[in-house]
Amino acid sequence: MEALRQDLLAQAPAFAGRPVVSIFIGGGTPSLLPPASVARFLEFASTLLDLAACEEITLEANPGTIERGRFAEYRAAGITRVSLGAQSFQPALLSALGRIHSADETRRAAAELHAAGLRNFNLDLMVGLPGQDEKTALMDVGEALALEPAHISHYQLTLEPGTVFGGRPPAGLPAHDLAADMQEHCHEVLAAAGYRRYEISAFAREGQRCAHNLNYWEFGDYIGVGAGAHGKRTEVATGRIERTIREREPRRYMARGAHGPVSSQVVPAAELPFEFMMNALRLIDGFTTSLYEERTGQDWSAIAGSMQGLEQRGMVESSGSLWRPTRLGSGFLNEMLLEFIDMPGAEHSVRVRKTL
């Protein structure tokens, strides 16, 4: 906790005068952190940053690590939203994923959230799991809906480089077309239940969209505090955009103290179209040309040709200054992003990745 405080203390001056709209306590299993520690950290943050407009403070929680009664204490500490990593309600699928919790623990956690008055909570669900078929995928959605979350994140299993599955893909993964059909049918059930899709993998009841993730997807800035945390800051005076990464291993992070990030990179101007689109093209309602210009500092004309090309291919559509992905485009985000990798002067130091 002292390392976190020193980290925030070192970064806060660069964000002076800028209101904080959300706080997300995530990564690993932060629900192991005592509620009193959360309260003290939030109080400390309020002395350094403008939290007056911050109404969303999310705690990521593993259903298998929550002690009975803790959610009421977290709410008292200042938490207003919780994200539960359910992933599935099928014991065999949870085992295949190496999850430590059971479906019953997810159900119990959701019941305790309601009892604590924390009804604004998210459930993470996955589709395309090893051995999963459409029946079990739809059963998972039904189980999730029965718990009445405000928000559901429904995403396909991704074999990320550097992970166990990335190095050794599990047996029994559904074929791509089957996984896509499963996902589409699950989305239809979510829509019928009143959960509106507002991002490729995010569904929310009216008024319950995740402000923190929307900030990512709209290419906003964020302070990354803690082991492995990523940050992004735009210098107001110059428009210079810098990305930072903190030391990932906790012991090395604590030993480093407030000596700054282990990695810091100014995003080259040629990469900004890709960086912006990697996030904004995930938004079902789209984005405006003015948002692009505000967040990148570039004139829309720099990418107008690429966007018109995507429109001609039926992957995006426009209405005045608003641009948004079509149903086809939402299913082929990586394909669309290729339009912005080979732009004149672009450097190839970034890779297509999902936004968490």
Protein backbone atom coordinates (compact mmCIF):
# COMPACT_ATOMS: atom_id res chain seq x y z
CA MET A 1 0.00 0.00 0.00
CA GLU A 2 2.88 2.35 0.71
CA ALA A 3 4.31 1.63 -2.75
CA LEU A 4 0.95 2.47 -4.31
CA ARG A 5 0.79 5.74 -2.39
CA GLN A 6 4.30 6.73 -3.43
CA ASP A 7 3.53 5.80 -7.05
CA LEU A 8 0.42 7.99 -7.10
CA LEU A 9 2.22 10.79 -5.27
CA ALA A 10 4.89 10.85 -8.00
CA GLN A 11 2.37 10.92 -10.88
CA ALA A 12 -0.36 13.19 -9.54
CA PRO A 13 1.32 16.54 -10.36
CA ALA A 14 1.23 15.74 -14.09
CA PHE A 15 -2.57 15.44 -13.87
CA ALA A 16 -3.17 18.50 -11.68
CA GLY A 17 -6.41 20.33 -12.42
CA ARG A 18 -7.88 17.46 -14.44
CA PRO A 19 -11.02 15.84 -12.95
CA VAL A 20 -10.97 12.09 -12.33
CA VAL A 21 -14.10 10.43 -13.73
CA SER A 22 -13.52 6.86 -12.54
CA ILE A 23 -11.29 4.57 -10.53
CA PHE A 24 -10.81 0.88 -11.33
CA ILE A 25 -9.11 -1.37 -8.79
CA GLY A 26 -8.23 -4.40 -10.86
CA GLY A 27 -5.58 -6.85 -11.90
CA GLY A 28 -4.80 -10.03 -9.99
CA THR A 29 -7.22 -10.41 -7.11
CA PRO A 30 -7.71 -7.01 -5.44
CA SER A 31 -10.65 -8.43 -3.46
CA LEU A 32 -7.98 -9.90 -1.16
CA LEU A 33 -7.24 -6.32 -0.08
CA PRO A 34 -8.91 -5.38 3.25
CA PRO A 35 -11.74 -2.81 2.86
CA ALA A 36 -9.98 -0.51 5.34
CA SER A 37 -6.93 -0.41 3.06
CA VAL A 38 -9.13 0.52 0.10
CA ALA A 39 -10.72 3.32 2.13
CA ARG A 40 -7.34 4.71 3.18
CA PHE A 41 -6.02 4.67 -0.39
CA LEU A 42 -9.11 6.43 -1.76
CA GLU A 43 -8.84 9.05 0.98
CA PHE A 44 -5.17 9.57 0.09
CA ALA A 45 -6.05 9.89 -3.62
CA SER A 46 -8.62 12.56 -2.79
CA THR A 47 -5.86 14.76 -1.31
CA LEU A 48 -3.89 14.66 -4.58
CA LEU A 49 -6.52 14.57 -7.32
CA ASP A 50 -9.88 16.13 -8.13
CA LEU A 51 -12.37 13.34 -7.35
CA ALA A 52 -15.45 15.58 -7.11
CA ALA A 53 -16.92 14.16 -10.34
CA CYS A 54 -15.83 10.56 -9.70
CA GLU A 55 -19.01 8.55 -9.21
CA GLU A 56 -17.72 5.17 -10.43
CA ILE A 57 -15.19 3.32 -8.28
CA THR A 58 -14.95 -0.32 -9.37
CA LEU A 59 -13.42 -3.25 -7.54
CA GLU A 60 -12.55 -6.36 -9.54
CA ALA A 61 -13.34 -9.48 -7.54
CA ASN A 62 -12.74 -13.20 -7.84
CA PRO A 63 -15.89 -14.96 -6.59
CA GLY A 64 -13.73 -17.52 -4.78
CA THR A 65 -11.93 -14.99 -2.58
CA ILE A 66 -14.76 -12.92 -1.12
CA GLU A 67 -15.42 -13.39 2.58
CA ARG A 68 -19.05 -13.24 3.67
CA GLY A 69 -20.10 -9.69 4.51
CA ARG A 70 -17.14 -8.05 2.80
CA PHE A 71 -19.15 -6.32 0.05
CA ALA A 72 -20.97 -4.16 2.60
CA GLU A 73 -17.58 -3.13 3.97
CA TYR A 74 -16.26 -2.34 0.48
CA ARG A 75 -19.30 -0.18 -0.18
CA ALA A 76 -18.66 1.69 3.07
CA ALA A 77 -15.04 2.15 1.94
CA GLY A 78 -16.21 3.96 -1.20
CA ILE A 79 -16.66 1.20 -3.80
CA THR A 80 -19.68 1.90 -6.03
CA ARG A 81 -19.31 -0.87 -8.61
CA VAL A 82 -17.95 -4.44 -8.65
CA SER A 83 -16.78 -6.63 -11.53
CA LEU A 84 -17.04 -10.38 -10.91
CA GLY A 85 -14.99 -12.79 -13.01
CA ALA A 86 -17.63 -15.49 -13.44
CA GLN A 87 -16.37 -16.70 -16.88
CA SER A 88 -18.75 -19.70 -16.87
CA PHE A 89 -21.23 -21.55 -14.68
CA GLN A 90 -20.21 -25.00 -15.97
CA PRO A 91 -17.83 -26.85 -13.58
CA ALA A 92 -16.00 -28.59 -16.43
CA LEU A 93 -15.37 -25.30 -18.25
CA LEU A 94 -14.17 -23.53 -15.09
CA SER A 95 -11.76 -26.41 -14.55
CA ALA A 96 -10.52 -26.20 -18.14
CA LEU A 97 -9.80 -22.49 -17.58
CA GLY A 98 -7.93 -23.18 -14.35
CA ARG A 99 -10.34 -21.01 -12.32
CA ILE A 100 -10.27 -21.38 -8.55
CA HIS A 101 -13.94 -20.52 -7.92
CA SER A 102 -17.14 -22.50 -8.37
CA ALA A 103 -20.43 -21.49 -9.96
CA ASP A 104 -22.06 -21.53 -6.52
CA GLU A 105 -19.49 -19.01 -5.27
CA THR A 106 -20.43 -16.69 -8.14
CA ARG A 107 -24.12 -17.03 -7.27
CA ARG A 108 -23.39 -16.37 -3.60
CA ALA A 109 -21.24 -13.33 -4.44
CA ALA A 110 -24.02 -11.86 -6.60
CA ALA A 111 -26.56 -12.39 -3.81
CA GLU A 112 -24.27 -10.62 -1.35
CA LEU A 113 -23.78 -7.73 -3.77
CA HIS A 114 -27.54 -7.21 -3.92
CA ALA A 115 -27.78 -7.48 -0.13
CA ALA A 116 -25.03 -4.86 0.26
CA GLY A 117 -26.82 -2.46 -2.08
CA LEU A 118 -24.10 -2.81 -4.76
CA ARG A 119 -26.50 -3.57 -7.59
CA ASN A 120 -24.24 -1.92 -10.16
CA PHE A 121 -22.06 -4.93 -10.85
CA ASN A 122 -20.60 -6.61 -13.92
CA LEU A 123 -20.29 -10.30 -14.71
CA ASP A 124 -17.51 -11.47 -17.04
CA LEU A 125 -18.56 -14.35 -19.31
CA MET A 126 -16.54 -16.18 -21.93
CA VAL A 127 -17.57 -18.00 -25.09
CA GLY A 128 -15.62 -20.28 -27.41
CA LEU A 129 -14.21 -22.32 -24.52
CA PRO A 130 -12.70 -25.80 -24.94
CA GLY A 131 -15.51 -28.34 -25.09
CA GLN A 132 -18.24 -25.67 -25.10
CA ASP A 133 -21.26 -25.95 -27.40
CA GLU A 134 -24.12 -23.58 -28.09
CA LYS A 135 -26.34 -25.17 -25.43
CA THR A 136 -23.86 -24.61 -22.62
CA ALA A 137 -23.01 -21.12 -23.90
CA LEU A 138 -26.69 -20.14 -23.76
CA MET A 139 -27.01 -21.79 -20.34
CA ASP A 140 -24.21 -19.55 -19.07
CA VAL A 141 -26.01 -16.44 -20.33
CA GLY A 142 -29.24 -17.62 -18.68
CA GLU A 143 -27.45 -18.22 -15.37
CA ALA A 144 -25.86 -14.76 -15.56
CA LEU A 145 -29.19 -13.04 -16.29
CA ALA A 146 -30.79 -14.77 -13.31
CA LEU A 147 -28.30 -12.94 -11.04
CA GLU A 148 -29.52 -9.55 -12.34
CA PRO A 149 -26.22 -7.78 -12.98
CA ALA A 150 -26.26 -4.24 -14.32
CA HIS A 151 -23.58 -5.09 -16.88
CA ILE A 152 -22.31 -8.19 -18.68
CA SER A 153 -18.97 -8.47 -20.49
CA HIS A 154 -19.29 -11.30 -23.00
CA TYR A 155 -16.10 -12.04 -24.89
CA GLN A 156 -14.53 -14.83 -26.85
CA LEU A 157 -11.57 -16.75 -25.47
CA THR A 158 -8.40 -15.23 -26.92
CA LEU A 159 -5.14 -17.19 -27.01
CA GLU A 160 -2.77 -14.43 -25.96
CA PRO A 161 1.00 -14.75 -26.52
CA GLY A 162 2.88 -15.32 -23.29
CA THR A 163 0.01 -17.17 -21.59
CA VAL A 164 -0.35 -20.91 -20.93
CA PHE A 165 -3.07 -21.24 -23.59
CA GLY A 166 -1.02 -19.13 -26.00
CA GLY A 167 1.85 -21.59 -25.78
CA ARG A 168 -0.27 -24.74 -25.56
CA PRO A 169 -3.74 -24.26 -27.06
CA PRO A 170 -6.26 -26.49 -25.26
CA ALA A 171 -7.97 -29.33 -27.06
CA GLY A 172 -11.61 -29.08 -28.03
CA LEU A 173 -11.79 -25.42 -29.03
CA PRO A 174 -14.91 -24.77 -31.15
CA ALA A 175 -14.36 -24.05 -34.83
CA HIS A 176 -14.32 -20.34 -35.65
CA ASP A 177 -17.71 -20.34 -37.41
CA LEU A 178 -19.32 -22.28 -34.56
CA ALA A 179 -17.86 -19.92 -31.97
CA ALA A 180 -19.16 -16.94 -33.96
CA ASP A 181 -22.66 -18.47 -34.16
CA MET A 182 -22.62 -19.19 -30.42
CA GLN A 183 -21.60 -15.63 -29.69
CA GLU A 184 -24.29 -14.15 -31.95
CA HIS A 185 -27.06 -16.24 -30.40
CA CYS A 186 -25.91 -15.27 -26.91
CA HIS A 187 -26.00 -11.62 -27.93
CA GLU A 188 -29.57 -12.01 -29.13
CA VAL A 189 -30.59 -13.38 -25.73
CA LEU A 190 -28.85 -10.51 -23.94
CA ALA A 191 -30.59 -7.93 -26.14
CA ALA A 192 -33.98 -9.53 -25.53
CA ALA A 193 -33.33 -9.28 -21.78
CA GLY A 194 -32.75 -5.52 -22.00
CA TYR A 195 -28.95 -5.42 -22.13
CA ARG A 196 -27.84 -3.09 -24.89
CA ARG A 197 -24.58 -3.80 -26.65
CA TYR A 198 -22.52 -0.61 -26.62
CA GLU A 199 -19.06 -2.06 -27.30
CA ILE A 200 -17.89 -5.22 -29.04
CA SER A 201 -17.92 -7.24 -25.81
CA ALA A 202 -19.96 -5.08 -23.42
CA PHE A 203 -23.69 -5.10 -22.63
CA ALA A 204 -25.43 -2.88 -20.11
CA ARG A 205 -28.82 -1.96 -18.79
CA GLU A 206 -29.95 1.60 -19.40
CA GLY A 207 -27.64 4.06 -17.66
CA GLN A 208 -25.20 1.37 -16.50
CA ARG A 209 -22.39 1.61 -19.05
CA CYS A 210 -18.89 1.37 -17.60
CA ALA A 211 -17.46 4.91 -17.50
CA HIS A 212 -13.93 3.62 -16.93
CA ASN A 213 -13.89 1.42 -20.02
CA LEU A 214 -15.59 4.10 -22.10
CA ASN A 215 -12.66 6.36 -21.27
CA TYR A 216 -10.27 3.73 -22.70
CA TRP A 217 -12.35 3.23 -25.81
CA GLU A 218 -12.63 6.97 -26.43
CA PHE A 219 -8.82 7.25 -26.19
CA GLY A 220 -8.90 9.17 -22.94
CA ASP A 221 -6.06 9.49 -20.44
CA TYR A 222 -5.56 7.40 -17.31
CA ILE A 223 -3.09 7.10 -14.45
CA GLY A 224 -1.59 3.62 -14.10
CA VAL A 225 -0.69 2.95 -10.45
CA GLY A 226 0.55 -0.42 -9.21
CA ALA A 227 2.52 -3.45 -10.33
CA GLY A 228 2.11 -3.96 -14.08
CA ALA A 229 -0.12 -0.89 -14.48
CA HIS A 230 -0.29 0.91 -17.81
CA GLY A 231 -0.85 4.65 -18.06
CA LYS A 232 -1.54 7.21 -20.79
CA ARG A 233 -1.15 10.97 -20.55
CA THR A 234 -1.64 13.77 -23.04
CA GLU A 235 0.38 16.91 -22.41
CA VAL A 236 -2.18 19.67 -22.66
CA ALA A 237 0.28 22.30 -23.88
CA THR A 238 1.96 20.26 -26.63
CA GLY A 239 -0.47 17.43 -27.41
CA ARG A 240 2.35 14.94 -26.79
CA ILE A 241 0.95 11.50 -25.84
CA GLU A 242 3.00 9.25 -23.59
CA ARG A 243 2.35 5.65 -22.55
CA THR A 244 3.93 4.19 -19.42
CA ILE A 245 4.24 0.71 -17.91
CA ARG A 246 5.03 0.01 -14.25
CA GLU A 247 7.23 -2.87 -13.09
CA ARG A 248 5.08 -6.01 -13.28
CA GLU A 249 6.56 -8.28 -10.60
CA PRO A 250 5.28 -7.02 -7.21
CA ARG A 251 8.55 -7.35 -5.28
CA ARG A 252 10.51 -5.51 -7.97
CA TYR A 253 7.75 -2.92 -8.19
CA MET A 254 7.98 -2.24 -4.44
CA ALA A 255 11.77 -2.12 -4.56
CA ARG A 256 11.63 0.42 -7.38
CA GLY A 257 9.47 2.74 -5.29
CA ALA A 258 8.60 6.05 -6.91
CA HIS A 259 11.46 5.96 -9.42
CA GLY A 260 9.09 6.04 -12.37
CA PRO A 261 7.98 3.52 -15.00
CA VAL A 262 10.12 0.73 -16.38
CA SER A 263 8.89 1.68 -19.83
CA SER A 264 7.90 5.06 -21.23
CA GLN A 265 7.14 5.78 -24.87
CA VAL A 266 5.91 8.86 -26.67
CA VAL A 267 3.41 7.65 -29.27
CA PRO A 268 4.69 8.75 -32.71
CA ALA A 269 2.25 10.88 -34.68
CA ALA A 270 2.15 8.25 -37.43
CA GLU A 271 0.85 5.65 -34.95
CA LEU A 272 -1.93 7.77 -33.48
CA PRO A 273 -4.57 6.80 -36.09
CA PHE A 274 -4.04 3.12 -35.24
CA GLU A 275 -3.97 3.79 -31.49
CA PHE A 276 -7.23 5.75 -31.64
CA MET A 277 -9.04 3.33 -33.94
CA MET A 278 -7.95 0.27 -31.97
CA ASN A 279 -10.21 1.59 -29.23
CA ALA A 280 -12.87 3.72 -30.92
CA LEU A 281 -13.87 1.16 -33.55
CA ARG A 282 -15.02 -1.08 -30.69
CA LEU A 283 -17.84 1.36 -29.90
CA ILE A 284 -21.18 0.28 -31.36
CA ASP A 285 -22.50 3.87 -31.31
CA GLY A 286 -19.29 5.09 -32.92
CA PHE A 287 -17.39 8.35 -32.50
CA THR A 288 -17.27 11.81 -34.00
CA THR A 289 -14.60 13.36 -36.16
CA SER A 290 -14.19 16.05 -33.49
CA LEU A 291 -13.35 13.40 -30.88
CA TYR A 292 -10.64 12.05 -33.16
CA GLU A 293 -9.15 15.51 -33.62
CA GLU A 294 -9.40 16.33 -29.90
CA ARG A 295 -7.78 13.10 -28.69
CA THR A 296 -5.03 12.77 -31.33
CA GLY A 297 -4.32 16.41 -32.20
CA GLN A 298 -4.56 15.47 -35.89
CA ASP A 299 -6.86 16.76 -38.59
CA TRP A 300 -9.55 14.33 -39.74
CA SER A 301 -8.28 14.64 -43.30
CA ALA A 302 -5.28 12.47 -42.28
CA ILE A 303 -7.51 9.39 -42.14
CA ALA A 304 -10.54 10.44 -44.18
CA GLY A 305 -9.47 8.31 -47.14
CA SER A 306 -9.04 5.18 -45.02
CA MET A 307 -12.44 5.65 -43.38
CA GLN A 308 -14.13 6.18 -46.74
CA GLY A 309 -12.47 3.01 -47.99
CA LEU A 310 -13.87 1.06 -45.03
CA GLU A 311 -17.29 2.58 -45.69
CA GLN A 312 -17.18 1.43 -49.30
CA ARG A 313 -16.40 -2.10 -48.05
CA GLY A 314 -19.45 -1.99 -45.77
CA MET A 315 -17.42 -2.09 -42.54
CA VAL A 316 -18.29 1.37 -41.22
CA GLU A 317 -21.10 3.83 -41.84
CA SER A 318 -21.28 7.59 -41.39
CA SER A 319 -23.94 10.14 -40.62
CA GLY A 320 -22.63 13.68 -40.73
CA SER A 321 -19.59 13.76 -38.43
CA LEU A 322 -20.51 10.46 -36.71
CA TRP A 323 -18.76 7.24 -37.73
CA ARG A 324 -19.55 3.78 -36.41
CA PRO A 325 -18.81 0.16 -37.28
CA THR A 326 -21.45 -1.85 -39.08
CA ARG A 327 -22.43 -5.32 -37.95
CA LEU A 328 -19.89 -6.69 -40.43
CA GLY A 329 -17.17 -4.37 -39.19
CA SER A 330 -17.79 -5.24 -35.52
CA GLY A 331 -17.00 -8.85 -36.35
CA PHE A 332 -13.73 -7.99 -38.10
CA LEU A 333 -12.03 -5.35 -35.97
CA ASN A 334 -8.50 -6.57 -36.76
CA GLU A 335 -9.26 -6.43 -40.47
CA MET A 336 -10.32 -2.80 -40.15
CA LEU A 337 -7.24 -1.91 -38.13
CA LEU A 338 -4.98 -3.02 -40.96
CA GLU A 339 -6.09 0.15 -42.76
CA PHE A 340 -4.25 2.20 -40.16
CA ILE A 341 -1.02 0.23 -39.79
CA ASP A 342 0.45 0.96 -43.21
CA MET A 343 -0.26 4.67 -43.21
CA PRO A 344 2.54 6.94 -44.50
CA GLY A 345 5.34 7.18 -41.95
CA ALA A 346 3.78 4.65 -39.58
CA GLU A 347 6.12 2.64 -37.38
CA HIS A 348 5.38 -1.00 -36.75
CA SER A 349 6.00 -1.13 -33.02
CA VAL A 350 2.41 -1.91 -32.04
CA ARG A 351 0.34 -5.03 -32.39
CA VAL A 352 -3.37 -5.61 -32.68
CA ARG A 353 -4.68 -6.41 -29.21
CA LYS A 354 -7.94 -6.45 -27.34
CA THR A 355 -8.76 -3.72 -24.85
CA LEU A 356 -9.42 -5.04 -21.37
